[in-house]
Amino acid sequence: AGATASRVLSIDYRLAPEYPYPAALEDCYAVIQHLWSYLDNANILYTPSLSLVGDSGGGALCATLSALSQRDSNLPIKKQALIYPSLDYTLSSPSVETLAHGYLLEKSRIQWYFDHYFQGNECRRATSPLFMPLFNQHPTTLIVTAGYCPLRDEGPRYIAKLEEVGVATEHHFEPTMIHAYLNLENLAPQACSRTYEAVSRFVNS
C-alpha cells in the first residue's frame, strides 16, 4: 500500500496441467518473498503492509499462503480477501452436491480441475486450506460467497475455524449469484459493485 492509495500487484503464475501442484504456489511464494526488494529497486514508495486478494483457485493459493505465513517470516501477510474461494480439495461440503449441476461451475468440472492440478500422490485433505492448522497469527480474513456456487459452504466452514482461534473475519454473501459472477458485471452490476466495495473497505481499513 502506498502513502495515499493502495498499489496492486497482479501475479502471473504457472498453470496446470503443464505445471501441476505445487508450481503455482511456489511462484506466488517467490513473488511475496522478494516483493519489498523489488519495490525498493524500482524506487516505488510504499508502506510495507501486504494484503492478498484472490478468487476461486486464486483464493485457494491466497489461503494456503496465509496458512504458511503463520510460521514463515518470509510471508508478511496482514490480510486476505477470498472471493468464492476453493478451500477444500476433497469436495466434502454439502453445497458441492446440492449445486453440482446447472450453475456454471459443476462438480464434474471441479473434479477435472483437481485431477489435473494434483498429478502426484499429494494428500488432497492436507493441502486443502480448510484443513490446514490455523492459529491466531493468521491474517485477518474476508470471505465472499455466492448463493448458487457449489463452493458456497466452504467459506463459512473456514470462517468458523478462524474464529475458533481468535482471527478476525468478515463475510460478504451474495445470495442470488453464481460462481465467478464478477465476470458478469454487465448482467449483475449491483452485486459486483457491492462486492468490490466490500473488498475495498476491508483491504483499506
C-alpha atoms as a PDB file:
ATOM      1  CA  ALA A   1       0.000   0.000   0.000  1.00  0.00           C
ATOM      2  CA  GLY A   2       1.269   3.475  -0.813  1.00  0.00           C
ATOM      3  CA  ALA A   3       1.064   6.564   1.352  1.00  0.00           C
ATOM      4  CA  THR A   4      -2.177   7.758  -0.247  1.00  0.00           C
ATOM      5  CA  ALA A   5      -3.518   4.802  -2.207  1.00  0.00           C
ATOM      6  CA  SER A   6      -3.161   1.059  -2.399  1.00  0.00           C
ATOM      7  CA  ARG A   7      -0.835  -0.378  -5.004  1.00  0.00           C
ATOM      8  CA  VAL A   8      -1.904  -3.552  -6.773  1.00  0.00           C
ATOM      9  CA  LEU A   9       0.481  -6.238  -7.979  1.00  0.00           C
ATOM     10  CA  SER A  10      -1.008  -8.988 -10.151  1.00  0.00           C
ATOM     11  CA  ILE A  11       0.921 -12.281 -10.123  1.00  0.00           C
ATOM     12  CA  ASP A  12       1.223 -14.380 -13.286  1.00  0.00           C
ATOM     13  CA  TYR A  13       1.913 -17.906 -12.047  1.00  0.00           C
ATOM     14  CA  ARG A  14       2.409 -21.214 -13.851  1.00  0.00           C
ATOM     15  CA  LEU A  15      -0.752 -23.186 -14.594  1.00  0.00           C
ATOM     16  CA  ALA A  16      -1.754 -26.839 -14.619  1.00  0.00           C
ATOM     17  CA  PRO A  17      -1.840 -29.244 -16.352  1.00  0.00           C
ATOM     18  CA  GLU A  18       1.545 -28.282 -17.826  1.00  0.00           C
ATOM     19  CA  TYR A  19       2.729 -27.198 -14.381  1.00  0.00           C
ATOM     20  CA  PRO A  20       0.898 -29.142 -11.663  1.00  0.00           C
ATOM     21  CA  TYR A  21       0.949 -28.574  -7.908  1.00  0.00           C
ATOM     22  CA  PRO A  22       2.953 -27.002  -6.307  1.00  0.00           C
ATOM     23  CA  ALA A  23       4.265 -24.848  -9.179  1.00  0.00           C
ATOM     24  CA  ALA A  24       1.699 -22.049  -8.819  1.00  0.00           C
ATOM     25  CA  LEU A  25       2.154 -21.951  -5.045  1.00  0.00           C
ATOM     26  CA  GLU A  26       5.935 -21.753  -5.422  1.00  0.00           C
ATOM     27  CA  ASP A  27       5.607 -18.860  -7.874  1.00  0.00           C
ATOM     28  CA  CYS A  28       3.346 -16.879  -5.557  1.00  0.00           C
ATOM     29  CA  TYR A  29       5.623 -17.585  -2.606  1.00  0.00           C
ATOM     30  CA  ALA A  30       8.658 -16.317  -4.530  1.00  0.00           C
ATOM     31  CA  VAL A  31       6.898 -13.089  -5.501  1.00  0.00           C
ATOM     32  CA  ILE A  32       5.950 -12.296  -1.912  1.00  0.00           C
ATOM     33  CA  GLN A  33       9.402 -13.206  -0.634  1.00  0.00           C
ATOM     34  CA  HIS A  34      11.058 -10.684  -2.961  1.00  0.00           C
ATOM     35  CA  LEU A  35       8.294  -8.060  -3.094  1.00  0.00           C
ATOM     36  CA  TRP A  36       9.841  -5.384  -0.888  1.00  0.00           C
ATOM     37  CA  SER A  37      13.256  -5.600  -2.579  1.00  0.00           C
ATOM     38  CA  TYR A  38      11.557  -5.368  -5.983  1.00  0.00           C
ATOM     39  CA  LEU A  39       9.720  -2.202  -4.969  1.00  0.00           C
ATOM     40  CA  ASP A  40      12.900  -0.745  -3.494  1.00  0.00           C
ATOM     41  CA  ASN A  41      14.871  -1.409  -6.681  1.00  0.00           C
ATOM     42  CA  ALA A  42      12.067   0.166  -8.735  1.00  0.00           C
ATOM     43  CA  ASN A  43      12.125   3.279  -6.497  1.00  0.00           C
ATOM     44  CA  ILE A  44       8.429   2.842  -5.725  1.00  0.00           C
ATOM     45  CA  LEU A  45       7.256   4.388  -2.473  1.00  0.00           C
ATOM     46  CA  TYR A  46       5.190   2.041  -0.312  1.00  0.00           C
ATOM     47  CA  THR A  47       4.156   1.120   3.190  1.00  0.00           C
ATOM     48  CA  PRO A  48       5.167  -2.491   3.942  1.00  0.00           C
ATOM     49  CA  SER A  49       1.671  -3.830   4.513  1.00  0.00           C
ATOM     50  CA  LEU A  50       0.552  -6.703   2.302  1.00  0.00           C
ATOM     51  CA  SER A  51      -2.962  -7.948   1.589  1.00  0.00           C
ATOM     52  CA  LEU A  52      -3.721 -10.906  -0.668  1.00  0.00           C
ATOM     53  CA  VAL A  53      -6.838 -10.978  -2.853  1.00  0.00           C
ATOM     54  CA  GLY A  54      -7.832 -13.953  -4.978  1.00  0.00           C
ATOM     55  CA  ASP A  55     -10.896 -15.575  -6.459  1.00  0.00           C
ATOM     56  CA  SER A  56     -11.702 -19.270  -6.946  1.00  0.00           C
ATOM     57  CA  GLY A  57      -8.398 -21.130  -7.431  1.00  0.00           C
ATOM     58  CA  GLY A  58      -6.543 -17.900  -6.749  1.00  0.00           C
ATOM     59  CA  GLY A  59      -8.351 -17.772  -3.434  1.00  0.00           C
ATOM     60  CA  ALA A  60      -7.015 -21.239  -2.670  1.00  0.00           C
ATOM     61  CA  LEU A  61      -3.467 -20.015  -3.291  1.00  0.00           C
ATOM     62  CA  CYS A  62      -4.010 -16.978  -1.057  1.00  0.00           C
ATOM     63  CA  ALA A  63      -5.443 -19.097   1.749  1.00  0.00           C
ATOM     64  CA  THR A  64      -2.571 -21.570   1.512  1.00  0.00           C
ATOM     65  CA  LEU A  65      -0.001 -18.781   1.657  1.00  0.00           C
ATOM     66  CA  SER A  66      -1.797 -17.233   4.620  1.00  0.00           C
ATOM     67  CA  ALA A  67      -1.670 -20.553   6.461  1.00  0.00           C
ATOM     68  CA  LEU A  68       2.047 -20.863   5.709  1.00  0.00           C
ATOM     69  CA  SER A  69       2.637 -17.275   6.832  1.00  0.00           C
ATOM     70  CA  GLN A  70       1.747 -18.178  10.410  1.00  0.00           C
ATOM     71  CA  ARG A  71       5.180 -19.754  10.816  1.00  0.00           C
ATOM     72  CA  ASP A  72       7.144 -18.113   7.984  1.00  0.00           C
ATOM     73  CA  SER A  73       8.664 -14.639   8.290  1.00  0.00           C
ATOM     74  CA  ASN A  74       9.177 -14.554   4.509  1.00  0.00           C
ATOM     75  CA  LEU A  75       5.396 -14.179   4.105  1.00  0.00           C
ATOM     76  CA  PRO A  76       4.476 -10.835   5.741  1.00  0.00           C
ATOM     77  CA  ILE A  77       0.736 -11.091   5.036  1.00  0.00           C
ATOM     78  CA  LYS A  78      -1.562  -8.793   7.014  1.00  0.00           C
ATOM     79  CA  LYS A  79      -4.942  -9.532   5.387  1.00  0.00           C
ATOM     80  CA  GLN A  80      -6.539 -11.767   2.808  1.00  0.00           C
ATOM     81  CA  ALA A  81      -9.756 -11.359   0.822  1.00  0.00           C
ATOM     82  CA  LEU A  82     -11.014 -14.580  -0.746  1.00  0.00           C
ATOM     83  CA  ILE A  83     -13.735 -14.367  -3.403  1.00  0.00           C
ATOM     84  CA  TYR A  84     -15.775 -17.572  -3.830  1.00  0.00           C
ATOM     85  CA  PRO A  85     -12.592 -19.476  -2.949  1.00  0.00           C
ATOM     86  CA  SER A  86     -11.794 -23.140  -3.443  1.00  0.00           C
ATOM     87  CA  LEU A  87     -10.761 -24.240   0.049  1.00  0.00           C
ATOM     88  CA  ASP A  88     -11.461 -27.973   0.108  1.00  0.00           C
ATOM     89  CA  TYR A  89      -9.817 -30.240  -2.449  1.00  0.00           C
ATOM     90  CA  THR A  90     -11.782 -33.193  -1.042  1.00  0.00           C
ATOM     91  CA  LEU A  91     -15.139 -31.594  -2.009  1.00  0.00           C
ATOM     92  CA  SER A  92     -16.741 -32.560   1.296  1.00  0.00           C
ATOM     93  CA  SER A  93     -19.178 -29.649   1.697  1.00  0.00           C
ATOM     94  CA  PRO A  94     -22.933 -30.196   1.143  1.00  0.00           C
ATOM     95  CA  SER A  95     -23.219 -27.394  -1.435  1.00  0.00           C
ATOM     96  CA  VAL A  96     -20.930 -29.320  -3.801  1.00  0.00           C
ATOM     97  CA  GLU A  97     -23.686 -31.923  -4.099  1.00  0.00           C
ATOM     98  CA  THR A  98     -26.778 -29.713  -3.908  1.00  0.00           C
ATOM     99  CA  LEU A  99     -25.380 -27.351  -6.568  1.00  0.00           C
ATOM    100  CA  ALA A 100     -23.483 -29.983  -8.567  1.00  0.00           C
ATOM    101  CA  HIS A 101     -25.262 -29.281 -11.863  1.00  0.00           C
ATOM    102  CA  GLY A 102     -26.760 -26.325 -13.674  1.00  0.00           C
ATOM    103  CA  TYR A 103     -24.921 -23.398 -12.069  1.00  0.00           C
ATOM    104  CA  LEU A 104     -21.977 -22.816 -14.458  1.00  0.00           C
ATOM    105  CA  LEU A 105     -19.318 -24.407 -12.218  1.00  0.00           C
ATOM    106  CA  GLU A 106     -20.276 -28.069 -11.958  1.00  0.00           C
ATOM    107  CA  LYS A 107     -18.903 -30.794  -9.701  1.00  0.00           C
ATOM    108  CA  SER A 108     -17.554 -32.841 -12.599  1.00  0.00           C
ATOM    109  CA  ARG A 109     -15.624 -29.822 -13.861  1.00  0.00           C
ATOM    110  CA  ILE A 110     -14.163 -29.132 -10.410  1.00  0.00           C
ATOM    111  CA  GLN A 111     -13.016 -32.746 -10.149  1.00  0.00           C
ATOM    112  CA  TRP A 112     -11.415 -32.447 -13.592  1.00  0.00           C
ATOM    113  CA  TYR A 113      -9.556 -29.323 -12.479  1.00  0.00           C
ATOM    114  CA  PHE A 114      -8.277 -31.005  -9.321  1.00  0.00           C
ATOM    115  CA  ASP A 115      -7.207 -34.153 -11.180  1.00  0.00           C
ATOM    116  CA  HIS A 116      -5.046 -32.031 -13.473  1.00  0.00           C
ATOM    117  CA  TYR A 117      -3.731 -29.866 -10.639  1.00  0.00           C
ATOM    118  CA  PHE A 118      -2.672 -32.821  -8.472  1.00  0.00           C
ATOM    119  CA  GLN A 119      -0.686 -35.239 -10.620  1.00  0.00           C
ATOM    120  CA  GLY A 120       1.407 -36.835  -7.884  1.00  0.00           C
ATOM    121  CA  ASN A 121       0.444 -38.640  -4.718  1.00  0.00           C
ATOM    122  CA  GLU A 122      -0.443 -35.477  -2.809  1.00  0.00           C
ATOM    123  CA  CYS A 123      -2.865 -35.761   0.080  1.00  0.00           C
ATOM    124  CA  ARG A 124      -5.716 -33.511  -1.023  1.00  0.00           C
ATOM    125  CA  ARG A 125      -7.009 -33.084   2.508  1.00  0.00           C
ATOM    126  CA  ALA A 126      -3.624 -31.968   3.851  1.00  0.00           C
ATOM    127  CA  THR A 127      -3.175 -29.472   1.001  1.00  0.00           C
ATOM    128  CA  SER A 128      -6.680 -28.010   1.444  1.00  0.00           C
ATOM    129  CA  PRO A 129      -6.667 -24.629   3.220  1.00  0.00           C
ATOM    130  CA  LEU A 130      -9.846 -25.675   5.036  1.00  0.00           C
ATOM    131  CA  PHE A 131      -7.955 -28.434   6.851  1.00  0.00           C
ATOM    132  CA  MET A 132      -4.598 -26.740   7.422  1.00  0.00           C
ATOM    133  CA  PRO A 133      -3.628 -25.852  11.016  1.00  0.00           C
ATOM    134  CA  LEU A 134      -4.820 -22.346  11.880  1.00  0.00           C
ATOM    135  CA  PHE A 135      -3.592 -20.141  14.723  1.00  0.00           C
ATOM    136  CA  ASN A 136      -4.262 -16.634  15.987  1.00  0.00           C
ATOM    137  CA  GLN A 137      -1.263 -15.371  13.970  1.00  0.00           C
ATOM    138  CA  HIS A 138      -3.285 -15.963  10.814  1.00  0.00           C
ATOM    139  CA  PRO A 139      -4.042 -12.906   8.623  1.00  0.00           C
ATOM    140  CA  THR A 140      -7.381 -11.180   9.068  1.00  0.00           C
ATOM    141  CA  THR A 141      -9.794 -12.592   6.507  1.00  0.00           C
ATOM    142  CA  LEU A 142     -12.712 -11.521   4.315  1.00  0.00           C
ATOM    143  CA  ILE A 143     -14.674 -14.271   2.574  1.00  0.00           C
ATOM    144  CA  VAL A 144     -17.050 -13.579  -0.337  1.00  0.00           C
ATOM    145  CA  THR A 145     -19.524 -16.336  -1.167  1.00  0.00           C
ATOM    146  CA  ALA A 146     -22.373 -16.744  -3.654  1.00  0.00           C
ATOM    147  CA  GLY A 147     -25.698 -18.468  -3.042  1.00  0.00           C
ATOM    148  CA  TYR A 148     -25.589 -20.640  -6.165  1.00  0.00           C
ATOM    149  CA  CYS A 149     -21.902 -21.523  -6.087  1.00  0.00           C
ATOM    150  CA  PRO A 150     -21.014 -25.170  -5.317  1.00  0.00           C
ATOM    151  CA  LEU A 151     -18.108 -23.894  -3.200  1.00  0.00           C
ATOM    152  CA  ARG A 152     -20.508 -21.804  -1.089  1.00  0.00           C
ATOM    153  CA  ASP A 153     -20.340 -23.856   2.123  1.00  0.00           C
ATOM    154  CA  GLU A 154     -16.560 -23.926   2.250  1.00  0.00           C
ATOM    155  CA  GLY A 155     -16.402 -20.236   3.151  1.00  0.00           C
ATOM    156  CA  PRO A 156     -18.469 -20.378   6.362  1.00  0.00           C
ATOM    157  CA  ARG A 157     -16.656 -23.549   7.456  1.00  0.00           C
ATOM    158  CA  TYR A 158     -13.331 -21.760   7.014  1.00  0.00           C
ATOM    159  CA  ILE A 159     -14.578 -18.676   8.859  1.00  0.00           C
ATOM    160  CA  ALA A 160     -15.730 -20.833  11.781  1.00  0.00           C
ATOM    161  CA  LYS A 161     -12.274 -22.389  12.079  1.00  0.00           C
ATOM    162  CA  LEU A 162     -10.587 -18.983  12.009  1.00  0.00           C
ATOM    163  CA  GLU A 163     -12.936 -17.548  14.616  1.00  0.00           C
ATOM    164  CA  GLU A 164     -12.300 -20.530  16.899  1.00  0.00           C
ATOM    165  CA  VAL A 165      -8.648 -19.458  17.194  1.00  0.00           C
ATOM    166  CA  GLY A 166      -9.430 -15.750  17.521  1.00  0.00           C
ATOM    167  CA  VAL A 167      -8.808 -14.487  13.978  1.00  0.00           C
ATOM    168  CA  ALA A 168     -10.942 -11.519  12.897  1.00  0.00           C
ATOM    169  CA  THR A 169     -13.155 -12.336   9.905  1.00  0.00           C
ATOM    170  CA  GLU A 170     -15.784 -10.779   7.664  1.00  0.00           C
ATOM    171  CA  HIS A 171     -18.269 -12.480   5.361  1.00  0.00           C
ATOM    172  CA  HIS A 172     -19.878 -10.887   2.307  1.00  0.00           C
ATOM    173  CA  PHE A 173     -22.668 -13.042   0.875  1.00  0.00           C
ATOM    174  CA  GLU A 174     -24.453 -12.545  -2.441  1.00  0.00           C
ATOM    175  CA  PRO A 175     -27.430 -14.931  -2.183  1.00  0.00           C
ATOM    176  CA  THR A 176     -28.600 -14.785  -5.813  1.00  0.00           C
ATOM    177  CA  MET A 177     -25.196 -15.022  -7.517  1.00  0.00           C
ATOM    178  CA  ILE A 178     -23.273 -17.924  -9.100  1.00  0.00           C
ATOM    179  CA  HIS A 179     -19.571 -18.737  -9.058  1.00  0.00           C
ATOM    180  CA  ALA A 180     -17.421 -16.231 -10.976  1.00  0.00           C
ATOM    181  CA  TYR A 181     -20.182 -13.614 -11.033  1.00  0.00           C
ATOM    182  CA  LEU A 182     -17.602 -10.830 -11.046  1.00  0.00           C
ATOM    183  CA  ASN A 183     -17.050 -11.783 -14.705  1.00  0.00           C
ATOM    184  CA  LEU A 184     -20.707 -10.944 -15.378  1.00  0.00           C
ATOM    185  CA  GLU A 185     -20.649  -7.277 -14.452  1.00  0.00           C
ATOM    186  CA  ASN A 186     -22.993  -6.266 -17.283  1.00  0.00           C
ATOM    187  CA  LEU A 187     -25.593  -8.765 -16.040  1.00  0.00           C
ATOM    188  CA  ALA A 188     -25.174  -8.203 -12.286  1.00  0.00           C
ATOM    189  CA  PRO A 189     -23.752  -4.706 -11.834  1.00  0.00           C
ATOM    190  CA  GLN A 190     -25.157  -4.142  -8.346  1.00  0.00           C
ATOM    191  CA  ALA A 191     -23.828  -7.399  -6.911  1.00  0.00           C
ATOM    192  CA  CYS A 192     -20.436  -6.731  -8.462  1.00  0.00           C
ATOM    193  CA  SER A 193     -20.376  -3.188  -7.131  1.00  0.00           C
ATOM    194  CA  ARG A 194     -21.279  -4.347  -3.606  1.00  0.00           C
ATOM    195  CA  THR A 195     -18.534  -6.939  -3.731  1.00  0.00           C
ATOM    196  CA  TYR A 196     -15.842  -4.557  -4.937  1.00  0.00           C
ATOM    197  CA  GLU A 197     -16.871  -2.075  -2.263  1.00  0.00           C
ATOM    198  CA  ALA A 198     -16.675  -4.757   0.451  1.00  0.00           C
ATOM    199  CA  VAL A 199     -13.215  -5.834  -0.658  1.00  0.00           C
ATOM    200  CA  SER A 200     -12.016  -2.232  -0.922  1.00  0.00           C
ATOM    201  CA  ARG A 201     -13.263  -1.346   2.572  1.00  0.00           C
ATOM    202  CA  PHE A 202     -11.648  -4.449   4.024  1.00  0.00           C
ATOM    203  CA  VAL A 203      -8.263  -4.030   2.358  1.00  0.00           C
ATOM    204  CA  ASN A 204      -8.022  -0.288   3.058  1.00  0.00           C
ATOM    205  CA  SER A 205      -9.348  -0.266   6.636  1.00  0.00           C
END
